[in-house]
PDB file of all heavy atoms in Angstrom:
ATOM      1  N   GLY A   1      99.398   7.671 169.412  1.00  0.00           N
ATOM      2  CA  GLY A   1     100.207   6.490 169.029  1.00  0.00           C
ATOM      3  C   GLY A   1      99.370   5.220 169.070  1.00  0.00           C
ATOM      4  O   GLY A   1      99.500   4.348 168.198  1.00  0.00           O
ATOM      5  N   GLN A   2      98.511   5.081 170.104  1.00  0.00           N
ATOM      6  CA  GLN A   2      97.687   3.892 170.199  1.00  0.00           C
ATOM      7  C   GLN A   2      96.697   3.775 169.042  1.00  0.00           C
ATOM      8  O   GLN A   2      96.309   2.684 168.647  1.00  0.00           O
ATOM      9  CB  GLN A   2      96.944   3.921 171.548  1.00  0.00           C
ATOM     10  CG  GLN A   2      97.849   3.702 172.775  1.00  0.00           C
ATOM     11  CD  GLN A   2      97.137   3.969 174.067  1.00  0.00           C
ATOM     12  OE1 GLN A   2      96.085   4.607 174.096  1.00  0.00           O
ATOM     13  NE2 GLN A   2      97.697   3.490 175.150  1.00  0.00           N
ATOM     14  N   VAL A   3      96.280   4.925 168.530  1.00  0.00           N
ATOM     15  CA  VAL A   3      95.347   4.939 167.377  1.00  0.00           C
ATOM     16  C   VAL A   3      96.083   4.781 166.086  1.00  0.00           C
ATOM     17  O   VAL A   3      95.675   4.000 165.227  1.00  0.00           O
ATOM     18  CB  VAL A   3      94.522   6.258 167.379  1.00  0.00           C
ATOM     19  CG1 VAL A   3      93.660   6.340 166.132  1.00  0.00           C
ATOM     20  CG2 VAL A   3      93.677   6.357 168.620  1.00  0.00           C
ATOM     21  N   ALA A   4      97.202   5.517 165.898  1.00  0.00           N
ATOM     22  CA  ALA A   4      97.852   5.596 164.608  1.00  0.00           C
ATOM     23  C   ALA A   4      98.802   4.461 164.311  1.00  0.00           C
ATOM     24  O   ALA A   4      98.869   4.002 163.154  1.00  0.00           O
ATOM     25  CB  ALA A   4      98.611   6.928 164.506  1.00  0.00           C
ATOM     26  N   TYR A   5      99.558   3.996 165.284  1.00  0.00           N
ATOM     27  CA  TYR A   5     100.583   3.006 164.994  1.00  0.00           C
ATOM     28  C   TYR A   5     100.035   1.712 164.360  1.00  0.00           C
ATOM     29  O   TYR A   5     100.595   1.215 163.384  1.00  0.00           O
ATOM     30  CB  TYR A   5     101.410   2.698 166.244  1.00  0.00           C
ATOM     31  CG  TYR A   5     102.540   1.715 166.002  1.00  0.00           C
ATOM     32  CD1 TYR A   5     103.624   2.069 165.218  1.00  0.00           C
ATOM     33  CD2 TYR A   5     102.511   0.429 166.489  1.00  0.00           C
ATOM     34  CE1 TYR A   5     104.668   1.176 164.925  1.00  0.00           C
ATOM     35  CE2 TYR A   5     103.527  -0.493 166.234  1.00  0.00           C
ATOM     36  CZ  TYR A   5     104.596  -0.107 165.485  1.00  0.00           C
ATOM     37  OH  TYR A   5     105.603  -0.984 165.189  1.00  0.00           O
ATOM     38  N   PRO A   6      98.963   1.143 164.931  1.00  0.00           N
ATOM     39  CA  PRO A   6      98.446  -0.071 164.279  1.00  0.00           C
ATOM     40  C   PRO A   6      98.010   0.143 162.836  1.00  0.00           C
ATOM     41  O   PRO A   6      98.180  -0.736 161.986  1.00  0.00           O
ATOM     42  CB  PRO A   6      97.214  -0.421 165.152  1.00  0.00           C
ATOM     43  CG  PRO A   6      97.516   0.162 166.505  1.00  0.00           C
ATOM     44  CD  PRO A   6      98.264   1.422 166.170  1.00  0.00           C
ATOM     45  N   GLU A   7      97.438   1.333 162.556  1.00  0.00           N
ATOM     46  CA  GLU A   7      97.048   1.677 161.187  1.00  0.00           C
ATOM     47  C   GLU A   7      98.278   1.720 160.272  1.00  0.00           C
ATOM     48  O   GLU A   7      98.221   1.214 159.137  1.00  0.00           O
ATOM     49  CB  GLU A   7      96.285   2.999 161.152  1.00  0.00           C
ATOM     50  CG  GLU A   7      94.921   2.966 161.803  1.00  0.00           C
ATOM     51  CD  GLU A   7      93.933   2.174 160.974  1.00  0.00           C
ATOM     52  OE1 GLU A   7      94.025   2.180 159.737  1.00  0.00           O
ATOM     53  OE2 GLU A   7      93.054   1.512 161.568  1.00  0.00           O
ATOM     54  N   MET A   8      99.340   2.372 160.713  1.00  0.00           N
ATOM     55  CA  MET A   8     100.520   2.485 159.868  1.00  0.00           C
ATOM     56  C   MET A   8     101.201   1.118 159.681  1.00  0.00           C
ATOM     57  O   MET A   8     101.766   0.839 158.618  1.00  0.00           O
ATOM     58  CB  MET A   8     101.494   3.517 160.482  1.00  0.00           C
ATOM     59  CG  MET A   8     101.002   4.958 160.299  1.00  0.00           C
ATOM     60  SD  MET A   8     102.204   6.234 160.694  1.00  0.00           S
ATOM     61  CE  MET A   8     102.034   6.285 162.488  1.00  0.00           C
ATOM     62  N   GLN A   9     101.154   0.278 160.712  1.00  0.00           N
ATOM     63  CA  GLN A   9     101.696  -1.067 160.574  1.00  0.00           C
ATOM     64  C   GLN A   9     100.858  -1.855 159.520  1.00  0.00           C
ATOM     65  O   GLN A   9     101.452  -2.561 158.698  1.00  0.00           O
ATOM     66  CB  GLN A   9     101.644  -1.797 161.926  1.00  0.00           C
ATOM     67  CG  GLN A   9     102.686  -1.377 162.906  1.00  0.00           C
ATOM     68  CD  GLN A   9     104.079  -1.790 162.467  1.00  0.00           C
ATOM     69  OE1 GLN A   9     104.804  -1.026 161.820  1.00  0.00           O
ATOM     70  NE2 GLN A   9     104.468  -3.010 162.761  1.00  0.00           N
ATOM     71  N   ARG A  10      99.571  -1.709 159.586  1.00  0.00           N
ATOM     72  CA  ARG A  10      98.697  -2.421 158.643  1.00  0.00           C
ATOM     73  C   ARG A  10      98.982  -1.955 157.209  1.00  0.00           C
ATOM     74  O   ARG A  10      98.913  -2.789 156.283  1.00  0.00           O
ATOM     75  CB  ARG A  10      97.248  -2.175 158.989  1.00  0.00           C
ATOM     76  CG  ARG A  10      96.259  -3.058 158.223  1.00  0.00           C
ATOM     77  CD  ARG A  10      94.843  -2.840 158.776  1.00  0.00           C
ATOM     78  NE  ARG A  10      94.345  -1.505 158.514  1.00  0.00           N
ATOM     79  CZ  ARG A  10      93.775  -1.165 157.379  1.00  0.00           C
ATOM     80  NH1 ARG A  10      93.657  -2.019 156.375  1.00  0.00           N
ATOM     81  NH2 ARG A  10      93.323   0.085 157.198  1.00  0.00           N
ATOM     82  N   ARG A  11      99.288  -0.694 157.028  1.00  0.00           N
ATOM     83  CA  ARG A  11      99.569  -0.158 155.673  1.00  0.00           C
ATOM     84  C   ARG A  11     101.048  -0.282 155.331  1.00  0.00           C
ATOM     85  O   ARG A  11     101.512   0.272 154.319  1.00  0.00           O
ATOM     86  CB  ARG A  11      99.123   1.293 155.581  1.00  0.00           C
ATOM     87  CG  ARG A  11      97.673   1.568 155.905  1.00  0.00           C
ATOM     88  CD  ARG A  11      96.727   0.803 155.045  1.00  0.00           C
ATOM     89  NE  ARG A  11      96.916   1.141 153.623  1.00  0.00           N
ATOM     90  CZ  ARG A  11      96.393   0.412 152.618  1.00  0.00           C
ATOM     91  NH1 ARG A  11      95.699  -0.686 152.878  1.00  0.00           N
ATOM     92  NH2 ARG A  11      96.598   0.758 151.378  1.00  0.00           N
ATOM     93  N   ARG A  12     101.820  -0.988 156.180  1.00  0.00           N
ATOM     94  CA  ARG A  12     103.231  -1.310 155.925  1.00  0.00           C
ATOM     95  C   ARG A  12     104.120  -0.082 155.817  1.00  0.00           C
ATOM     96  O   ARG A  12     105.028   0.018 154.953  1.00  0.00           O
ATOM     97  CB  ARG A  12     103.359  -2.174 154.647  1.00  0.00           C
ATOM     98  CG  ARG A  12     102.627  -3.477 154.736  1.00  0.00           C
ATOM     99  CD  ARG A  12     102.759  -4.265 153.450  1.00  0.00           C
ATOM    100  NE  ARG A  12     101.924  -5.474 153.489  1.00  0.00           N
ATOM    101  CZ  ARG A  12     101.731  -6.281 152.431  1.00  0.00           C
ATOM    102  NH1 ARG A  12     102.311  -6.001 151.254  1.00  0.00           N
ATOM    103  NH2 ARG A  12     100.966  -7.359 152.546  1.00  0.00           N
ATOM    104  N   TYR A  13     103.893   0.866 156.718  1.00  0.00           N
ATOM    105  CA  TYR A  13     104.779   2.042 156.792  1.00  0.00           C
ATOM    106  C   TYR A  13     106.106   1.609 157.431  1.00  0.00           C
ATOM    107  O   TYR A  13     106.152   0.672 158.227  1.00  0.00           O
ATOM    108  CB  TYR A  13     104.138   3.130 157.633  1.00  0.00           C
ATOM    109  CG  TYR A  13     103.270   4.099 156.861  1.00  0.00           C
ATOM    110  CD1 TYR A  13     102.158   3.631 156.156  1.00  0.00           C
ATOM    111  CD2 TYR A  13     103.561   5.448 156.791  1.00  0.00           C
ATOM    112  CE1 TYR A  13     101.308   4.485 155.464  1.00  0.00           C
ATOM    113  CE2 TYR A  13     102.745   6.332 156.066  1.00  0.00           C
ATOM    114  CZ  TYR A  13     101.635   5.848 155.392  1.00  0.00           C
ATOM    115  OH  TYR A  13     100.857   6.703 154.689  1.00  0.00           O
ATOM    116  N   GLY A  14     107.169   2.298 157.062  1.00  0.00           N
ATOM    117  CA  GLY A  14     108.451   2.039 157.677  1.00  0.00           C
ATOM    118  C   GLY A  14     108.433   2.356 159.195  1.00  0.00           C
ATOM    119  O   GLY A  14     107.805   3.322 159.595  1.00  0.00           O
ATOM    120  N   ASN A  15     109.130   1.531 159.961  1.00  0.00           N
ATOM    121  CA  ASN A  15     109.116   1.722 161.409  1.00  0.00           C
ATOM    122  C   ASN A  15     109.631   3.070 161.816  1.00  0.00           C
ATOM    123  O   ASN A  15     109.124   3.757 162.738  1.00  0.00           O
ATOM    124  CB  ASN A  15     109.889   0.628 162.110  1.00  0.00           C
ATOM    125  CG  ASN A  15     109.220  -0.689 162.104  1.00  0.00           C
ATOM    126  OD1 ASN A  15     107.959  -0.741 161.986  1.00  0.00           O
ATOM    127  ND2 ASN A  15     109.956  -1.782 162.217  1.00  0.00           N
ATOM    128  N   ARG A  16     110.675   3.556 161.115  1.00  0.00           N
ATOM    129  CA  ARG A  16     111.306   4.842 161.505  1.00  0.00           C
ATOM    130  C   ARG A  16     110.331   6.004 161.261  1.00  0.00           C
ATOM    131  O   ARG A  16     110.216   6.899 162.095  1.00  0.00           O
ATOM    132  CB  ARG A  16     112.597   5.054 160.719  1.00  0.00           C
ATOM    133  CG  ARG A  16     113.699   4.076 161.102  1.00  0.00           C
ATOM    134  CD  ARG A  16     114.973   4.332 160.341  1.00  0.00           C
ATOM    135  NE  ARG A  16     116.009   3.346 160.630  1.00  0.00           N
ATOM    136  CZ  ARG A  16     117.233   3.324 160.112  1.00  0.00           C
ATOM    137  NH1 ARG A  16     117.575   4.293 159.238  1.00  0.00           N
ATOM    138  NH2 ARG A  16     118.081   2.380 160.428  1.00  0.00           N
ATOM    139  N   LEU A  17     109.666   5.994 160.122  1.00  0.00           N
ATOM    140  CA  LEU A  17     108.717   7.065 159.841  1.00  0.00           C
ATOM    141  C   LEU A  17     107.517   6.994 160.786  1.00  0.00           C
ATOM    142  O   LEU A  17     107.072   8.034 161.309  1.00  0.00           O
ATOM    143  CB  LEU A  17     108.252   6.992 158.376  1.00  0.00           C
ATOM    144  CG  LEU A  17     107.227   8.054 157.968  1.00  0.00           C
ATOM    145  CD1 LEU A  17     107.803   9.475 158.136  1.00  0.00           C
ATOM    146  CD2 LEU A  17     106.770   7.851 156.518  1.00  0.00           C
ATOM    147  N   SER A  18     107.014   5.813 161.043  1.00  0.00           N
ATOM    148  CA  SER A  18     105.844   5.658 161.883  1.00  0.00           C
ATOM    149  C   SER A  18     106.103   6.181 163.290  1.00  0.00           C
ATOM    150  O   SER A  18     105.381   7.017 163.807  1.00  0.00           O
ATOM    151  CB  SER A  18     105.450   4.177 161.963  1.00  0.00           C
ATOM    152  OG  SER A  18     105.174   3.628 160.712  1.00  0.00           O
ATOM    153  N   THR A  19     107.162   5.677 163.912  1.00  0.00           N
ATOM    154  CA  THR A  19     107.456   6.047 165.297  1.00  0.00           C
ATOM    155  C   THR A  19     107.978   7.504 165.367  1.00  0.00           C
ATOM    156  O   THR A  19     107.665   8.216 166.329  1.00  0.00           O
ATOM    157  CB  THR A  19     108.466   5.109 165.910  1.00  0.00           C
ATOM    158  OG1 THR A  19     109.648   5.053 165.084  1.00  0.00           O
ATOM    159  CG2 THR A  19     107.896   3.700 166.034  1.00  0.00           C
ATOM    160  N   GLY A  20     108.742   7.930 164.358  1.00  0.00           N
ATOM    161  CA  GLY A  20     109.242   9.300 164.346  1.00  0.00           C
ATOM    162  C   GLY A  20     108.115  10.321 164.278  1.00  0.00           C
ATOM    163  O   GLY A  20     108.142  11.332 164.967  1.00  0.00           O
ATOM    164  N   ALA A  21     107.101  10.000 163.457  1.00  0.00           N
ATOM    165  CA  ALA A  21     105.946  10.925 163.336  1.00  0.00           C
ATOM    166  C   ALA A  21     105.174  11.031 164.630  1.00  0.00           C
ATOM    167  O   ALA A  21     104.704  12.115 164.999  1.00  0.00           O
ATOM    168  CB  ALA A  21     105.057  10.440 162.184  1.00  0.00           C
ATOM    169  N   ILE A  22     104.994   9.877 165.328  1.00  0.00           N
ATOM    170  CA  ILE A  22     104.255   9.917 166.588  1.00  0.00           C
ATOM    171  C   ILE A  22     105.027  10.696 167.632  1.00  0.00           C
ATOM    172  O   ILE A  22     104.470  11.535 168.339  1.00  0.00           O
ATOM    173  CB  ILE A  22     103.967   8.475 167.080  1.00  0.00           C
ATOM    174  CG1 ILE A  22     103.099   7.722 166.058  1.00  0.00           C
ATOM    175  CG2 ILE A  22     103.330   8.495 168.439  1.00  0.00           C
ATOM    176  CD1 ILE A  22     103.017   6.219 166.351  1.00  0.00           C
ATOM    177  N   ALA A  23     106.334  10.417 167.752  1.00  0.00           N
ATOM    178  CA  ALA A  23     107.153  11.094 168.759  1.00  0.00           C
ATOM    179  C   ALA A  23     107.202  12.611 168.478  1.00  0.00           C
ATOM    180  O   ALA A  23     107.070  13.400 169.423  1.00  0.00           O
ATOM    181  CB  ALA A  23     108.552  10.519 168.773  1.00  0.00           C
ATOM    182  N   ALA A  24     107.441  12.977 167.232  1.00  0.00           N
ATOM    183  CA  ALA A  24     107.508  14.388 166.876  1.00  0.00           C
ATOM    184  C   ALA A  24     106.153  15.073 167.040  1.00  0.00           C
ATOM    185  O   ALA A  24     106.080  16.186 167.582  1.00  0.00           O
ATOM    186  CB  ALA A  24     108.046  14.556 165.457  1.00  0.00           C
ATOM    187  N   GLY A  25     105.105  14.430 166.587  1.00  0.00           N
ATOM    188  CA  GLY A  25     103.758  15.006 166.727  1.00  0.00           C
ATOM    189  C   GLY A  25     103.400  15.253 168.178  1.00  0.00           C
ATOM    190  O   GLY A  25     102.771  16.248 168.519  1.00  0.00           O
ATOM    191  N   GLY A  26     103.821  14.350 169.064  1.00  0.00           N
ATOM    192  CA  GLY A  26     103.540  14.502 170.455  1.00  0.00           C
ATOM    193  C   GLY A  26     104.160  15.758 171.064  1.00  0.00           C
ATOM    194  O   GLY A  26     103.585  16.309 172.021  1.00  0.00           O
ATOM    195  N   THR A  27     105.300  16.202 170.524  1.00  0.00           N
ATOM    196  CA  THR A  27     105.938  17.386 171.116  1.00  0.00           C
ATOM    197  C   THR A  27     105.096  18.632 170.952  1.00  0.00           C
ATOM    198  O   THR A  27     105.306  19.629 171.667  1.00  0.00           O
ATOM    199  CB  THR A  27     107.312  17.645 170.442  1.00  0.00           C
ATOM    200  OG1 THR A  27     107.127  17.943 169.061  1.00  0.00           O
ATOM    201  CG2 THR A  27     108.240  16.460 170.556  1.00  0.00           C
ATOM    202  N   LEU A  28     104.130  18.634 170.030  1.00  0.00           N
ATOM    203  CA  LEU A  28     103.274  19.801 169.850  1.00  0.00           C
ATOM    204  C   LEU A  28     102.436  20.109 171.096  1.00  0.00           C
ATOM    205  O   LEU A  28     101.894  21.189 171.217  1.00  0.00           O
ATOM    206  CB  LEU A  28     102.368  19.583 168.647  1.00  0.00           C
ATOM    207  CG  LEU A  28     103.063  19.456 167.285  1.00  0.00           C
ATOM    208  CD1 LEU A  28     102.127  18.913 166.234  1.00  0.00           C
ATOM    209  CD2 LEU A  28     103.666  20.790 166.853  1.00  0.00           C
ATOM    210  N   GLY A  29     102.387  19.138 172.020  1.00  0.00           N
ATOM    211  CA  GLY A  29     101.566  19.307 173.198  1.00  0.00           C
ATOM    212  C   GLY A  29     101.982  20.457 174.120  1.00  0.00           C
ATOM    213  O   GLY A  29     101.156  21.005 174.840  1.00  0.00           O
ATOM    214  N   ILE A  30     103.297  20.811 174.110  1.00  0.00           N
ATOM    215  CA  ILE A  30     103.699  21.924 174.994  1.00  0.00           C
ATOM    216  C   ILE A  30     103.931  23.199 174.241  1.00  0.00           C
ATOM    217  O   ILE A  30     104.377  24.195 174.797  1.00  0.00           O
ATOM    218  CB  ILE A  30     104.954  21.560 175.802  1.00  0.00           C
ATOM    219  CG1 ILE A  30     106.161  21.289 174.906  1.00  0.00           C
ATOM    220  CG2 ILE A  30     104.713  20.404 176.752  1.00  0.00           C
ATOM    221  CD1 ILE A  30     107.474  21.212 175.657  1.00  0.00           C
ATOM    222  N   LEU A  31     103.544  23.239 172.941  1.00  0.00           N
ATOM    223  CA  LEU A  31     103.630  24.460 172.136  1.00  0.00           C
ATOM    224  C   LEU A  31     102.250  25.024 171.860  1.00  0.00           C
ATOM    225  O   LEU A  31     102.009  26.234 171.997  1.00  0.00           O
ATOM    226  CB  LEU A  31     104.396  24.215 170.848  1.00  0.00           C
ATOM    227  CG  LEU A  31     104.563  25.436 169.915  1.00  0.00           C
ATOM    228  CD1 LEU A  31     105.336  26.539 170.648  1.00  0.00           C
ATOM    229  CD2 LEU A  31     105.321  25.051 168.650  1.00  0.00           C
ATOM    230  N   LEU A  32     101.323  24.173 171.444  1.00  0.00           N
ATOM    231  CA  LEU A  32     100.002  24.637 171.172  1.00  0.00           C
ATOM    232  C   LEU A  32      99.196  24.828 172.444  1.00  0.00           C
ATOM    233  O   LEU A  32      99.317  24.005 173.349  1.00  0.00           O
ATOM    234  CB  LEU A  32      99.266  23.592 170.276  1.00  0.00           C
ATOM    235  CG  LEU A  32      99.698  23.611 168.781  1.00  0.00           C
ATOM    236  CD1 LEU A  32      99.292  22.328 168.091  1.00  0.00           C
ATOM    237  CD2 LEU A  32      99.153  24.799 168.065  1.00  0.00           C
ATOM    238  N   PRO A  33      98.436  25.899 172.547  1.00  0.00           N
ATOM    239  CA  PRO A  33      97.649  26.101 173.778  1.00  0.00           C
ATOM    240  C   PRO A  33      96.503  25.081 173.861  1.00  0.00           C
ATOM    241  O   PRO A  33      96.012  24.655 172.835  1.00  0.00           O
ATOM    242  CB  PRO A  33      97.105  27.530 173.558  1.00  0.00           C
ATOM    243  CG  PRO A  33      97.068  27.709 172.079  1.00  0.00           C
ATOM    244  CD  PRO A  33      98.232  26.954 171.562  1.00  0.00           C
ATOM    245  N   PRO A  34      96.153  24.670 175.123  1.00  0.00           N
ATOM    246  CA  PRO A  34      96.713  25.097 176.418  1.00  0.00           C
ATOM    247  C   PRO A  34      97.979  24.287 176.744  1.00  0.00           C
ATOM    248  O   PRO A  34      97.974  23.076 176.649  1.00  0.00           O
ATOM    249  CB  PRO A  34      95.579  24.763 177.396  1.00  0.00           C
ATOM    250  CG  PRO A  34      94.909  23.543 176.754  1.00  0.00           C
ATOM    251  CD  PRO A  34      95.017  23.748 175.268  1.00  0.00           C
ATOM    252  N   SER A  35      99.039  24.975 177.084  1.00  0.00           N
ATOM    253  CA  SER A  35     100.311  24.309 177.291  1.00  0.00           C
ATOM    254  C   SER A  35     100.736  24.421 178.747  1.00  0.00           C
ATOM    255  O   SER A  35     100.800  25.529 179.304  1.00  0.00           O
ATOM    256  CB  SER A  35     101.364  24.993 176.387  1.00  0.00           C
ATOM    257  OG  SER A  35     102.684  24.683 176.845  1.00  0.00           O
ATOM    258  N   THR A  36     101.068  23.263 179.363  1.00  0.00           N
ATOM    259  CA  THR A  36     101.580  23.254 180.713  1.00  0.00           C
ATOM    260  C   THR A  36     102.891  24.071 180.817  1.00  0.00           C
ATOM    261  O   THR A  36     103.137  24.774 181.774  1.00  0.00           O
ATOM    262  CB  THR A  36     101.803  21.844 181.188  1.00  0.00           C
ATOM    263  OG1 THR A  36     100.595  21.075 181.054  1.00  0.00           O
ATOM    264  CG2 THR A  36     102.243  21.810 182.652  1.00  0.00           C
ATOM    265  N   GLY A  37     103.725  23.928 179.764  1.00  0.00           N
ATOM    266  CA  GLY A  37     105.005  24.633 179.753  1.00  0.00           C
ATOM    267  C   GLY A  37     104.803  26.126 179.794  1.00  0.00           C
ATOM    268  O   GLY A  37     105.530  26.847 180.513  1.00  0.00           O
ATOM    269  N   PHE A  38     103.811  26.674 179.045  1.00  0.00           N
ATOM    270  CA  PHE A  38     103.536  28.090 179.059  1.00  0.00           C
ATOM    271  C   PHE A  38     103.019  28.562 180.416  1.00  0.00           C
ATOM    272  O   PHE A  38     103.352  29.653 180.867  1.00  0.00           O
ATOM    273  CB  PHE A  38     102.545  28.458 177.983  1.00  0.00           C
ATOM    274  CG  PHE A  38     103.124  28.532 176.590  1.00  0.00           C
ATOM    275  CD1 PHE A  38     102.378  28.202 175.471  1.00  0.00           C
ATOM    276  CD2 PHE A  38     104.421  29.004 176.381  1.00  0.00           C
ATOM    277  CE1 PHE A  38     102.921  28.263 174.194  1.00  0.00           C
ATOM    278  CE2 PHE A  38     104.978  29.069 175.132  1.00  0.00           C
ATOM    279  CZ  PHE A  38     104.207  28.688 174.017  1.00  0.00           C
ATOM    280  N   VAL A  39     102.233  27.727 181.065  1.00  0.00           N
ATOM    281  CA  VAL A  39     101.699  28.119 182.392  1.00  0.00           C
ATOM    282  C   VAL A  39     102.857  28.224 183.398  1.00  0.00           C
ATOM    283  O   VAL A  39     102.940  29.228 184.120  1.00  0.00           O
ATOM    284  CB  VAL A  39     100.668  27.067 182.888  1.00  0.00           C
ATOM    285  CG1 VAL A  39     100.239  27.416 184.319  1.00  0.00           C
ATOM    286  CG2 VAL A  39      99.457  27.053 181.960  1.00  0.00           C
ATOM    287  N   LEU A  40     103.750  27.249 183.416  1.00  0.00           N
ATOM    288  CA  LEU A  40     104.892  27.320 184.336  1.00  0.00           C
ATOM    289  C   LEU A  40     105.779  28.519 184.009  1.00  0.00           C
ATOM    290  O   LEU A  40     106.245  29.227 184.918  1.00  0.00           O
ATOM    291  CB  LEU A  40     105.696  26.017 184.241  1.00  0.00           C
ATOM    292  CG  LEU A  40     104.985  24.734 184.703  1.00  0.00           C
ATOM    293  CD1 LEU A  40     105.895  23.523 184.548  1.00  0.00           C
ATOM    294  CD2 LEU A  40     104.509  24.844 186.144  1.00  0.00           C
ATOM    295  N   TYR A  41     106.043  28.734 182.727  1.00  0.00           N
ATOM    296  CA  TYR A  41     106.870  29.895 182.312  1.00  0.00           C
ATOM    297  C   TYR A  41     106.217  31.203 182.741  1.00  0.00           C
ATOM    298  O   TYR A  41     106.916  32.102 183.255  1.00  0.00           O
ATOM    299  CB  TYR A  41     107.067  29.871 180.765  1.00  0.00           C
ATOM    300  CG  TYR A  41     107.883  30.991 180.216  1.00  0.00           C
ATOM    301  CD1 TYR A  41     109.245  30.861 180.043  1.00  0.00           C
ATOM    302  CD2 TYR A  41     107.304  32.200 179.842  1.00  0.00           C
ATOM    303  CE1 TYR A  41     110.033  31.878 179.548  1.00  0.00           C
ATOM    304  CE2 TYR A  41     108.053  33.256 179.328  1.00  0.00           C
ATOM    305  CZ  TYR A  41     109.415  33.074 179.182  1.00  0.00           C
ATOM    306  OH  TYR A  41     110.168  34.109 178.674  1.00  0.00           O
TER     307      TYR A  41
END
């Protein structure tokens, strides 16, 4: 988010798409290995 959001703001992306993409992309952290969620499970 710290890298991508300023870039998307500069290119005038819609706020909903910009923030939605960052939030959704972040969820991949507990699905793709190595995943803390998988270790606990």
